[in-house]
Amino acid sequence: MSLKEFDLSGRTALVTGCSRGLGQVFARALAEAGADLIVTARTAESLSEFKSEIELLGRNCVTLPCDVRDKQSIDDMVAQALASVDKIDILVNNAGCNVRKPALEVTWDDWNLILDTNLRGTFFVSQGIAKSMIANGYGRIVNIGSLTSVSGSAGLGPYGASRGGVKQLTMSLADDWGKYGITVNCLAPGWFKTAQNAVMYEDAEWLEYLSDRIPLKRPGHPSDLTGSVVFLASEASAYITGQTLLIDGGMSTGATRALPKKR
C-alpha cells in the first residue's frame, strides 16, 4: 500500500450540512486530499465564505440549497448536483440536528425534527445519489453517526434512536449496493465541540467529568476526524463496507468515573 490510495484527485465529493461545524471539517479534509466539492446547506448563501476557502485550495466548489427534511428539496439538489459535474464519487451525509430534553419532555414535533433530519434525510439523499453511482459502477458513501449509534444517554432519546438507525441503515445499504461497486460506512464521532453542544463546554466541572470518562482524557479535536473521513472516501478502504468507525477517544469501551464532588 502507498499513500496514493488516499489521494482523492479527480474525485468529486458531495457533503451535506456544510454551513458550519463538522460538515466543513469533513469537506475541507476531502478537498485537501484532492477532491472537488459540492456542498449543501438549507441556504446556499450560508456557504459563500466556505466556497471561497475551498477555491483557494485550488478545488472546484459548487454550493446548493438542500433541506434534507423535504423530499422535493432533496430531489432538486440531486438534479442540480448531477447537472453541475460529470459524476459524484463520494457522498458524506453530515446534515443533522438535535434537541436535548428529558424523555418525558420530548414532543411529537421534536421527534419528527430529529428523525426526519438525521435518519430519513440520510436515506433519501443516499438513494438519490446512489442512482448515479450505480450507473458509474463506483461510489463511497459515508454516513455520519455518533457515539450514540452504539450507546444510550439520558436526554438523547430521539437523537440516539436516529443515530442508531443510521448505523443499521449503513449495514443495509452496504448489502444493497455492494454489487455495484459502492461502499457504505458510518463515521461515528464521540464528544466534539460543535455549535449544538458548545454551551456544555462552558461548564468546567462537566468538562472535567467528561474527559475523565474518555480513556484518552480529552474531547475530540476536528483534526481527529480528518484522516478517518478521507480513509473511508478513498481507495484505502476499498474492501470495507457496512462498518461503523468510532472516533471517540475510547469512550465506547464503557469506562465510567464518579462525578467529582462540588468544590
C-alpha atoms as a PDB file:
ATOM      1  CA  MET A   1       0.000   0.000   0.000  1.00  0.00           C
ATOM      2  CA  SER A   2       1.146   3.539  -0.720  1.00  0.00           C
ATOM      3  CA  LEU A   3      -0.186   6.955   0.176  1.00  0.00           C
ATOM      4  CA  LYS A   4      -1.602   7.316  -3.337  1.00  0.00           C
ATOM      5  CA  GLU A   5      -4.521   5.164  -2.178  1.00  0.00           C
ATOM      6  CA  PHE A   6      -5.620   8.109  -0.025  1.00  0.00           C
ATOM      7  CA  ASP A   7      -5.372  10.582  -2.929  1.00  0.00           C
ATOM      8  CA  LEU A   8      -8.783  11.914  -3.983  1.00  0.00           C
ATOM      9  CA  SER A   9      -7.590  13.844  -7.023  1.00  0.00           C
ATOM     10  CA  GLY A  10     -10.134  13.567  -9.835  1.00  0.00           C
ATOM     11  CA  ARG A  11     -12.934  12.680  -7.417  1.00  0.00           C
ATOM     12  CA  THR A  12     -15.985  14.778  -6.620  1.00  0.00           C
ATOM     13  CA  ALA A  13     -17.495  14.682  -3.139  1.00  0.00           C
ATOM     14  CA  LEU A  14     -20.921  15.893  -2.040  1.00  0.00           C
ATOM     15  CA  VAL A  15     -21.197  16.853   1.632  1.00  0.00           C
ATOM     16  CA  THR A  16     -24.491  17.863   3.235  1.00  0.00           C
ATOM     17  CA  GLY A  17     -24.868  20.247   6.168  1.00  0.00           C
ATOM     18  CA  CYS A  18     -21.834  22.424   5.479  1.00  0.00           C
ATOM     19  CA  SER A  19     -22.882  25.820   6.787  1.00  0.00           C
ATOM     20  CA  ARG A  20     -20.744  25.272   9.902  1.00  0.00           C
ATOM     21  CA  GLY A  21     -19.136  22.767  12.225  1.00  0.00           C
ATOM     22  CA  LEU A  22     -18.148  19.221  11.380  1.00  0.00           C
ATOM     23  CA  GLY A  23     -19.616  19.405   7.883  1.00  0.00           C
ATOM     24  CA  GLN A  24     -16.958  21.946   6.994  1.00  0.00           C
ATOM     25  CA  VAL A  25     -14.307  19.837   8.721  1.00  0.00           C
ATOM     26  CA  PHE A  26     -15.208  16.828   6.573  1.00  0.00           C
ATOM     27  CA  ALA A  27     -15.495  18.809   3.341  1.00  0.00           C
ATOM     28  CA  ARG A  28     -12.214  20.650   3.915  1.00  0.00           C
ATOM     29  CA  ALA A  29     -10.396  17.366   4.574  1.00  0.00           C
ATOM     30  CA  LEU A  30     -11.690  15.872   1.328  1.00  0.00           C
ATOM     31  CA  ALA A  31     -10.657  18.983  -0.602  1.00  0.00           C
ATOM     32  CA  GLU A  32      -7.185  18.927   0.939  1.00  0.00           C
ATOM     33  CA  ALA A  33      -6.916  15.289  -0.182  1.00  0.00           C
ATOM     34  CA  GLY A  34      -7.654  16.385  -3.761  1.00  0.00           C
ATOM     35  CA  ALA A  35     -11.434  16.177  -4.209  1.00  0.00           C
ATOM     36  CA  ASP A  36     -13.636  18.801  -5.825  1.00  0.00           C
ATOM     37  CA  LEU A  37     -16.726  19.577  -3.778  1.00  0.00           C
ATOM     38  CA  ILE A  38     -20.455  20.021  -3.885  1.00  0.00           C
ATOM     39  CA  VAL A  39     -21.597  21.358  -0.523  1.00  0.00           C
ATOM     40  CA  THR A  40     -25.132  21.899   0.693  1.00  0.00           C
ATOM     41  CA  ALA A  41     -26.973  23.725   3.441  1.00  0.00           C
ATOM     42  CA  ARG A  42     -30.520  24.915   3.874  1.00  0.00           C
ATOM     43  CA  THR A  43     -29.486  28.182   2.197  1.00  0.00           C
ATOM     44  CA  ALA A  44     -26.730  28.392  -0.395  1.00  0.00           C
ATOM     45  CA  GLU A  45     -25.903  31.914   0.827  1.00  0.00           C
ATOM     46  CA  SER A  46     -24.607  30.486   4.110  1.00  0.00           C
ATOM     47  CA  LEU A  47     -21.923  28.633   2.130  1.00  0.00           C
ATOM     48  CA  SER A  48     -20.370  31.573   0.275  1.00  0.00           C
ATOM     49  CA  GLU A  49     -17.441  32.121   2.657  1.00  0.00           C
ATOM     50  CA  PHE A  50     -16.644  28.410   2.792  1.00  0.00           C
ATOM     51  CA  LYS A  51     -16.806  28.180  -1.014  1.00  0.00           C
ATOM     52  CA  SER A  52     -14.135  30.883  -1.250  1.00  0.00           C
ATOM     53  CA  GLU A  53     -11.953  28.992   1.217  1.00  0.00           C
ATOM     54  CA  ILE A  54     -12.165  25.784  -0.799  1.00  0.00           C
ATOM     55  CA  GLU A  55     -11.439  27.558  -4.083  1.00  0.00           C
ATOM     56  CA  LEU A  56      -8.267  28.997  -2.534  1.00  0.00           C
ATOM     57  CA  LEU A  57      -7.114  25.382  -2.204  1.00  0.00           C
ATOM     58  CA  GLY A  58      -7.414  25.079  -5.976  1.00  0.00           C
ATOM     59  CA  ARG A  59     -10.574  22.946  -5.889  1.00  0.00           C
ATOM     60  CA  ASN A  60     -13.892  23.467  -7.599  1.00  0.00           C
ATOM     61  CA  CYS A  61     -16.757  24.052  -5.185  1.00  0.00           C
ATOM     62  CA  VAL A  62     -20.458  24.074  -6.076  1.00  0.00           C
ATOM     63  CA  THR A  63     -22.906  25.300  -3.432  1.00  0.00           C
ATOM     64  CA  LEU A  64     -26.524  24.153  -3.422  1.00  0.00           C
ATOM     65  CA  PRO A  65     -29.502  24.608  -1.104  1.00  0.00           C
ATOM     66  CA  CYS A  66     -30.964  21.464   0.425  1.00  0.00           C
ATOM     67  CA  ASP A  67     -33.345  20.853   3.304  1.00  0.00           C
ATOM     68  CA  VAL A  68     -32.988  17.143   3.998  1.00  0.00           C
ATOM     69  CA  ARG A  69     -36.416  17.121   5.682  1.00  0.00           C
ATOM     70  CA  ASP A  70     -38.054  17.987   2.353  1.00  0.00           C
ATOM     71  CA  LYS A  71     -38.124  15.313  -0.368  1.00  0.00           C
ATOM     72  CA  GLN A  72     -38.614  17.847  -3.161  1.00  0.00           C
ATOM     73  CA  SER A  73     -35.638  19.838  -1.888  1.00  0.00           C
ATOM     74  CA  ILE A  74     -33.515  16.670  -1.940  1.00  0.00           C
ATOM     75  CA  ASP A  75     -34.665  15.800  -5.459  1.00  0.00           C
ATOM     76  CA  ASP A  76     -33.918  19.314  -6.703  1.00  0.00           C
ATOM     77  CA  MET A  77     -30.472  19.278  -5.082  1.00  0.00           C
ATOM     78  CA  VAL A  78     -29.586  15.904  -6.588  1.00  0.00           C
ATOM     79  CA  ALA A  79     -30.684  17.035 -10.056  1.00  0.00           C
ATOM     80  CA  GLN A  80     -28.678  20.270  -9.817  1.00  0.00           C
ATOM     81  CA  ALA A  81     -25.644  18.459  -8.447  1.00  0.00           C
ATOM     82  CA  LEU A  82     -25.604  15.919 -11.266  1.00  0.00           C
ATOM     83  CA  ALA A  83     -26.084  18.675 -13.828  1.00  0.00           C
ATOM     84  CA  SER A  84     -23.097  20.589 -12.465  1.00  0.00           C
ATOM     85  CA  VAL A  85     -20.469  17.811 -12.542  1.00  0.00           C
ATOM     86  CA  ASP A  86     -19.606  14.772 -14.625  1.00  0.00           C
ATOM     87  CA  LYS A  87     -20.048  12.369 -11.717  1.00  0.00           C
ATOM     88  CA  ILE A  88     -20.304  12.177  -7.930  1.00  0.00           C
ATOM     89  CA  ASP A  89     -17.874   9.695  -6.421  1.00  0.00           C
ATOM     90  CA  ILE A  90     -18.251  10.397  -2.706  1.00  0.00           C
ATOM     91  CA  LEU A  91     -21.232  11.276  -0.523  1.00  0.00           C
ATOM     92  CA  VAL A  92     -20.919  12.374   3.099  1.00  0.00           C
ATOM     93  CA  ASN A  93     -24.304  12.507   4.839  1.00  0.00           C
ATOM     94  CA  ASN A  94     -23.488  15.029   7.533  1.00  0.00           C
ATOM     95  CA  ALA A  95     -26.683  17.121   7.875  1.00  0.00           C
ATOM     96  CA  GLY A  96     -28.115  16.598  11.338  1.00  0.00           C
ATOM     97  CA  CYS A  97     -29.734  18.182  14.361  1.00  0.00           C
ATOM     98  CA  ASN A  98     -30.521  17.529  17.995  1.00  0.00           C
ATOM     99  CA  VAL A  99     -32.956  18.606  20.701  1.00  0.00           C
ATOM    100  CA  ARG A 100     -31.619  17.747  24.159  1.00  0.00           C
ATOM    101  CA  LYS A 101     -34.509  17.086  26.575  1.00  0.00           C
ATOM    102  CA  PRO A 102     -35.520  14.603  29.272  1.00  0.00           C
ATOM    103  CA  ALA A 103     -37.595  11.851  27.684  1.00  0.00           C
ATOM    104  CA  LEU A 104     -40.800  12.974  29.404  1.00  0.00           C
ATOM    105  CA  GLU A 105     -40.478  16.422  27.832  1.00  0.00           C
ATOM    106  CA  VAL A 106     -39.878  15.337  24.213  1.00  0.00           C
ATOM    107  CA  THR A 107     -42.702  16.458  21.940  1.00  0.00           C
ATOM    108  CA  TRP A 108     -44.081  14.858  18.804  1.00  0.00           C
ATOM    109  CA  ASP A 109     -42.537  17.674  16.778  1.00  0.00           C
ATOM    110  CA  ASP A 110     -39.153  17.239  18.490  1.00  0.00           C
ATOM    111  CA  TRP A 111     -39.138  13.578  17.496  1.00  0.00           C
ATOM    112  CA  ASN A 112     -40.079  14.304  13.891  1.00  0.00           C
ATOM    113  CA  LEU A 113     -37.485  17.064  13.543  1.00  0.00           C
ATOM    114  CA  ILE A 114     -34.641  14.835  14.717  1.00  0.00           C
ATOM    115  CA  LEU A 115     -35.617  11.609  12.959  1.00  0.00           C
ATOM    116  CA  ASP A 116     -36.603  13.331   9.716  1.00  0.00           C
ATOM    117  CA  THR A 117     -33.270  15.157   9.583  1.00  0.00           C
ATOM    118  CA  ASN A 118     -30.804  12.576  10.832  1.00  0.00           C
ATOM    119  CA  LEU A 119     -32.299   9.325   9.549  1.00  0.00           C
ATOM    120  CA  ARG A 120     -34.864   9.906   6.812  1.00  0.00           C
ATOM    121  CA  GLY A 121     -32.732  12.632   5.254  1.00  0.00           C
ATOM    122  CA  THR A 122     -29.682  10.367   5.203  1.00  0.00           C
ATOM    123  CA  PHE A 123     -31.651   7.638   3.452  1.00  0.00           C
ATOM    124  CA  PHE A 124     -33.213   9.750   0.722  1.00  0.00           C
ATOM    125  CA  VAL A 125     -30.060  11.725  -0.075  1.00  0.00           C
ATOM    126  CA  SER A 126     -28.236   8.384  -0.335  1.00  0.00           C
ATOM    127  CA  GLN A 127     -30.959   6.987  -2.566  1.00  0.00           C
ATOM    128  CA  GLY A 128     -30.805   9.959  -4.924  1.00  0.00           C
ATOM    129  CA  ILE A 129     -27.020   9.990  -5.253  1.00  0.00           C
ATOM    130  CA  ALA A 130     -26.671   6.186  -5.360  1.00  0.00           C
ATOM    131  CA  LYS A 131     -28.639   6.021  -8.593  1.00  0.00           C
ATOM    132  CA  SER A 132     -25.841   7.860 -10.384  1.00  0.00           C
ATOM    133  CA  MET A 133     -23.149   5.895  -8.539  1.00  0.00           C
ATOM    134  CA  ILE A 134     -24.763   2.652  -9.685  1.00  0.00           C
ATOM    135  CA  ALA A 135     -24.657   3.874 -13.289  1.00  0.00           C
ATOM    136  CA  ASN A 136     -20.942   4.650 -12.868  1.00  0.00           C
ATOM    137  CA  GLY A 137     -20.145   1.406 -11.023  1.00  0.00           C
ATOM    138  CA  TYR A 138     -18.394   3.245  -8.208  1.00  0.00           C
ATOM    139  CA  GLY A 139     -19.201   5.095  -5.006  1.00  0.00           C
ATOM    140  CA  ARG A 140     -18.159   5.862  -1.457  1.00  0.00           C
ATOM    141  CA  ILE A 141     -20.945   6.784   0.962  1.00  0.00           C
ATOM    142  CA  VAL A 142     -20.030   7.931   4.458  1.00  0.00           C
ATOM    143  CA  ASN A 143     -22.937   8.331   6.853  1.00  0.00           C
ATOM    144  CA  ILE A 144     -22.229  10.415   9.925  1.00  0.00           C
ATOM    145  CA  GLY A 145     -23.359   8.701  13.089  1.00  0.00           C
ATOM    146  CA  SER A 146     -22.364   9.287  16.686  1.00  0.00           C
ATOM    147  CA  LEU A 147     -21.201   7.584  19.842  1.00  0.00           C
ATOM    148  CA  THR A 148     -24.953   7.314  20.465  1.00  0.00           C
ATOM    149  CA  SER A 149     -25.117   4.951  17.479  1.00  0.00           C
ATOM    150  CA  VAL A 150     -23.877   2.281  19.893  1.00  0.00           C
ATOM    151  CA  SER A 151     -24.708   3.603  23.362  1.00  0.00           C
ATOM    152  CA  GLY A 152     -27.603   5.285  25.115  1.00  0.00           C
ATOM    153  CA  SER A 153     -27.590   8.536  27.017  1.00  0.00           C
ATOM    154  CA  ALA A 154     -30.210  10.322  29.103  1.00  0.00           C
ATOM    155  CA  GLY A 155     -31.714  13.336  27.381  1.00  0.00           C
ATOM    156  CA  LEU A 156     -30.863  11.989  23.941  1.00  0.00           C
ATOM    157  CA  GLY A 157     -33.686   9.542  23.251  1.00  0.00           C
ATOM    158  CA  PRO A 158     -34.738  10.658  19.749  1.00  0.00           C
ATOM    159  CA  TYR A 159     -31.169  11.570  18.821  1.00  0.00           C
ATOM    160  CA  GLY A 160     -29.853   8.156  19.881  1.00  0.00           C
ATOM    161  CA  ALA A 161     -32.690   6.460  18.008  1.00  0.00           C
ATOM    162  CA  SER A 162     -31.796   8.384  14.866  1.00  0.00           C
ATOM    163  CA  ARG A 163     -28.074   7.672  15.122  1.00  0.00           C
ATOM    164  CA  GLY A 164     -28.643   4.011  15.951  1.00  0.00           C
ATOM    165  CA  GLY A 165     -30.860   3.921  12.896  1.00  0.00           C
ATOM    166  CA  VAL A 166     -28.059   5.401  10.788  1.00  0.00           C
ATOM    167  CA  LYS A 167     -25.780   2.556  11.897  1.00  0.00           C
ATOM    168  CA  GLN A 168     -28.369  -0.073  10.924  1.00  0.00           C
ATOM    169  CA  LEU A 169     -29.192   1.742   7.688  1.00  0.00           C
ATOM    170  CA  THR A 170     -25.496   1.758   6.802  1.00  0.00           C
ATOM    171  CA  MET A 171     -25.336  -2.033   7.006  1.00  0.00           C
ATOM    172  CA  SER A 172     -28.476  -2.460   4.925  1.00  0.00           C
ATOM    173  CA  LEU A 173     -27.340  -0.097   2.163  1.00  0.00           C
ATOM    174  CA  ALA A 174     -23.895  -1.721   2.123  1.00  0.00           C
ATOM    175  CA  ASP A 175     -25.578  -5.043   1.353  1.00  0.00           C
ATOM    176  CA  ASP A 176     -27.919  -3.482  -1.203  1.00  0.00           C
ATOM    177  CA  TRP A 177     -25.300  -1.606  -3.197  1.00  0.00           C
ATOM    178  CA  GLY A 178     -22.036  -3.502  -2.753  1.00  0.00           C
ATOM    179  CA  LYS A 179     -22.560  -5.359  -6.028  1.00  0.00           C
ATOM    180  CA  TYR A 180     -22.451  -2.013  -7.834  1.00  0.00           C
ATOM    181  CA  GLY A 181     -19.020  -1.064  -6.510  1.00  0.00           C
ATOM    182  CA  ILE A 182     -20.408   1.175  -3.761  1.00  0.00           C
ATOM    183  CA  THR A 183     -19.188   1.037  -0.185  1.00  0.00           C
ATOM    184  CA  VAL A 184     -21.326   2.435   2.639  1.00  0.00           C
ATOM    185  CA  ASN A 185     -19.805   3.082   6.052  1.00  0.00           C
ATOM    186  CA  CYS A 186     -20.673   5.060   9.166  1.00  0.00           C
ATOM    187  CA  LEU A 187     -18.245   7.503  10.775  1.00  0.00           C
ATOM    188  CA  ALA A 188     -19.286   7.947  14.395  1.00  0.00           C
ATOM    189  CA  PRO A 189     -17.689  10.805  16.365  1.00  0.00           C
ATOM    190  CA  GLY A 190     -17.701  10.883  20.138  1.00  0.00           C
ATOM    191  CA  TRP A 191     -17.598  14.178  22.012  1.00  0.00           C
ATOM    192  CA  PHE A 192     -16.549  17.048  19.766  1.00  0.00           C
ATOM    193  CA  LYS A 193     -17.378  20.700  20.443  1.00  0.00           C
ATOM    194  CA  THR A 194     -19.949  21.948  17.929  1.00  0.00           C
ATOM    195  CA  ALA A 195     -22.498  24.745  17.758  1.00  0.00           C
ATOM    196  CA  GLN A 196     -25.113  22.266  19.024  1.00  0.00           C
ATOM    197  CA  ASN A 197     -23.306  21.496  22.280  1.00  0.00           C
ATOM    198  CA  ALA A 198     -20.944  24.454  22.780  1.00  0.00           C
ATOM    199  CA  VAL A 199     -22.779  25.668  25.876  1.00  0.00           C
ATOM    200  CA  MET A 200     -21.938  22.434  27.703  1.00  0.00           C
ATOM    201  CA  TYR A 201     -18.209  23.052  27.245  1.00  0.00           C
ATOM    202  CA  GLU A 202     -18.542  26.270  29.253  1.00  0.00           C
ATOM    203  CA  ASP A 203     -19.077  24.150  32.391  1.00  0.00           C
ATOM    204  CA  ALA A 204     -15.564  23.362  33.640  1.00  0.00           C
ATOM    205  CA  GLU A 205     -16.757  20.703  36.098  1.00  0.00           C
ATOM    206  CA  TRP A 206     -18.740  18.907  33.403  1.00  0.00           C
ATOM    207  CA  LEU A 207     -15.773  19.073  31.018  1.00  0.00           C
ATOM    208  CA  GLU A 208     -13.522  17.532  33.681  1.00  0.00           C
ATOM    209  CA  TYR A 209     -16.077  14.785  34.278  1.00  0.00           C
ATOM    210  CA  LEU A 210     -16.395  14.124  30.535  1.00  0.00           C
ATOM    211  CA  SER A 211     -12.648  13.995  29.993  1.00  0.00           C
ATOM    212  CA  ASP A 212     -12.239  11.556  32.880  1.00  0.00           C
ATOM    213  CA  ARG A 213     -14.665   9.137  31.198  1.00  0.00           C
ATOM    214  CA  ILE A 214     -12.634   9.156  27.965  1.00  0.00           C
ATOM    215  CA  PRO A 215      -9.596   6.841  28.026  1.00  0.00           C
ATOM    216  CA  LEU A 216      -7.544   9.433  26.089  1.00  0.00           C
ATOM    217  CA  LYS A 217      -8.612  12.036  28.683  1.00  0.00           C
ATOM    218  CA  ARG A 218      -9.884  14.740  26.343  1.00  0.00           C
ATOM    219  CA  PRO A 219     -12.748  15.519  23.979  1.00  0.00           C
ATOM    220  CA  GLY A 220     -12.043  15.281  20.274  1.00  0.00           C
ATOM    221  CA  HIS A 221     -10.432  17.957  18.099  1.00  0.00           C
ATOM    222  CA  PRO A 222     -11.556  18.479  14.473  1.00  0.00           C
ATOM    223  CA  SER A 223      -8.180  17.165  13.289  1.00  0.00           C
ATOM    224  CA  ASP A 224      -9.033  13.816  14.909  1.00  0.00           C
ATOM    225  CA  LEU A 225     -11.711  13.283  12.227  1.00  0.00           C
ATOM    226  CA  THR A 226      -9.973  14.335   9.026  1.00  0.00           C
ATOM    227  CA  GLY A 227      -7.916  11.218   8.406  1.00  0.00           C
ATOM    228  CA  SER A 228     -10.903   8.958   9.028  1.00  0.00           C
ATOM    229  CA  VAL A 229     -13.233  10.633   6.541  1.00  0.00           C
ATOM    230  CA  VAL A 230     -10.520  10.637   3.864  1.00  0.00           C
ATOM    231  CA  PHE A 231      -9.843   6.956   4.577  1.00  0.00           C
ATOM    232  CA  LEU A 232     -13.494   5.969   4.163  1.00  0.00           C
ATOM    233  CA  ALA A 233     -13.799   8.090   0.999  1.00  0.00           C
ATOM    234  CA  SER A 234     -10.680   6.691  -0.638  1.00  0.00           C
ATOM    235  CA  GLU A 235      -9.323   3.547  -2.238  1.00  0.00           C
ATOM    236  CA  ALA A 236      -7.584   2.749   1.045  1.00  0.00           C
ATOM    237  CA  SER A 237     -10.931   1.441   2.349  1.00  0.00           C
ATOM    238  CA  ALA A 238     -11.976  -0.379  -0.834  1.00  0.00           C
ATOM    239  CA  TYR A 239     -12.729  -3.649   0.988  1.00  0.00           C
ATOM    240  CA  ILE A 240     -14.514  -2.101   3.963  1.00  0.00           C
ATOM    241  CA  THR A 241     -18.280  -1.687   3.876  1.00  0.00           C
ATOM    242  CA  GLY A 242     -21.193  -1.777   6.298  1.00  0.00           C
ATOM    243  CA  GLN A 243     -18.944  -0.788   9.195  1.00  0.00           C
ATOM    244  CA  THR A 244     -19.159   1.838  11.924  1.00  0.00           C
ATOM    245  CA  LEU A 245     -15.878   3.558  12.764  1.00  0.00           C
ATOM    246  CA  LEU A 246     -15.986   5.166  16.204  1.00  0.00           C
ATOM    247  CA  ILE A 247     -13.749   8.213  16.678  1.00  0.00           C
ATOM    248  CA  ASP A 248     -14.389   8.709  20.377  1.00  0.00           C
ATOM    249  CA  GLY A 249     -11.109   8.541  22.270  1.00  0.00           C
ATOM    250  CA  GLY A 250     -12.135   5.115  23.525  1.00  0.00           C
ATOM    251  CA  MET A 251     -15.301   6.262  25.300  1.00  0.00           C
ATOM    252  CA  SER A 252     -17.267   3.379  23.763  1.00  0.00           C
ATOM    253  CA  THR A 253     -15.205   0.961  25.853  1.00  0.00           C
ATOM    254  CA  GLY A 254     -17.732   1.772  28.580  1.00  0.00           C
ATOM    255  CA  ALA A 255     -15.316   3.395  31.003  1.00  0.00           C
ATOM    256  CA  THR A 256     -17.146   5.153  33.840  1.00  0.00           C
ATOM    257  CA  ARG A 257     -15.972   7.549  36.512  1.00  0.00           C
ATOM    258  CA  ALA A 258     -17.613   9.075  39.557  1.00  0.00           C
ATOM    259  CA  LEU A 259     -18.925  12.602  39.190  1.00  0.00           C
ATOM    260  CA  PRO A 260     -16.443  14.830  41.055  1.00  0.00           C
ATOM    261  CA  LYS A 261     -17.655  16.421  44.272  1.00  0.00           C
ATOM    262  CA  LYS A 262     -18.524  20.092  44.049  1.00  0.00           C
ATOM    263  CA  ARG A 263     -15.776  22.245  45.480  1.00  0.00           C
END
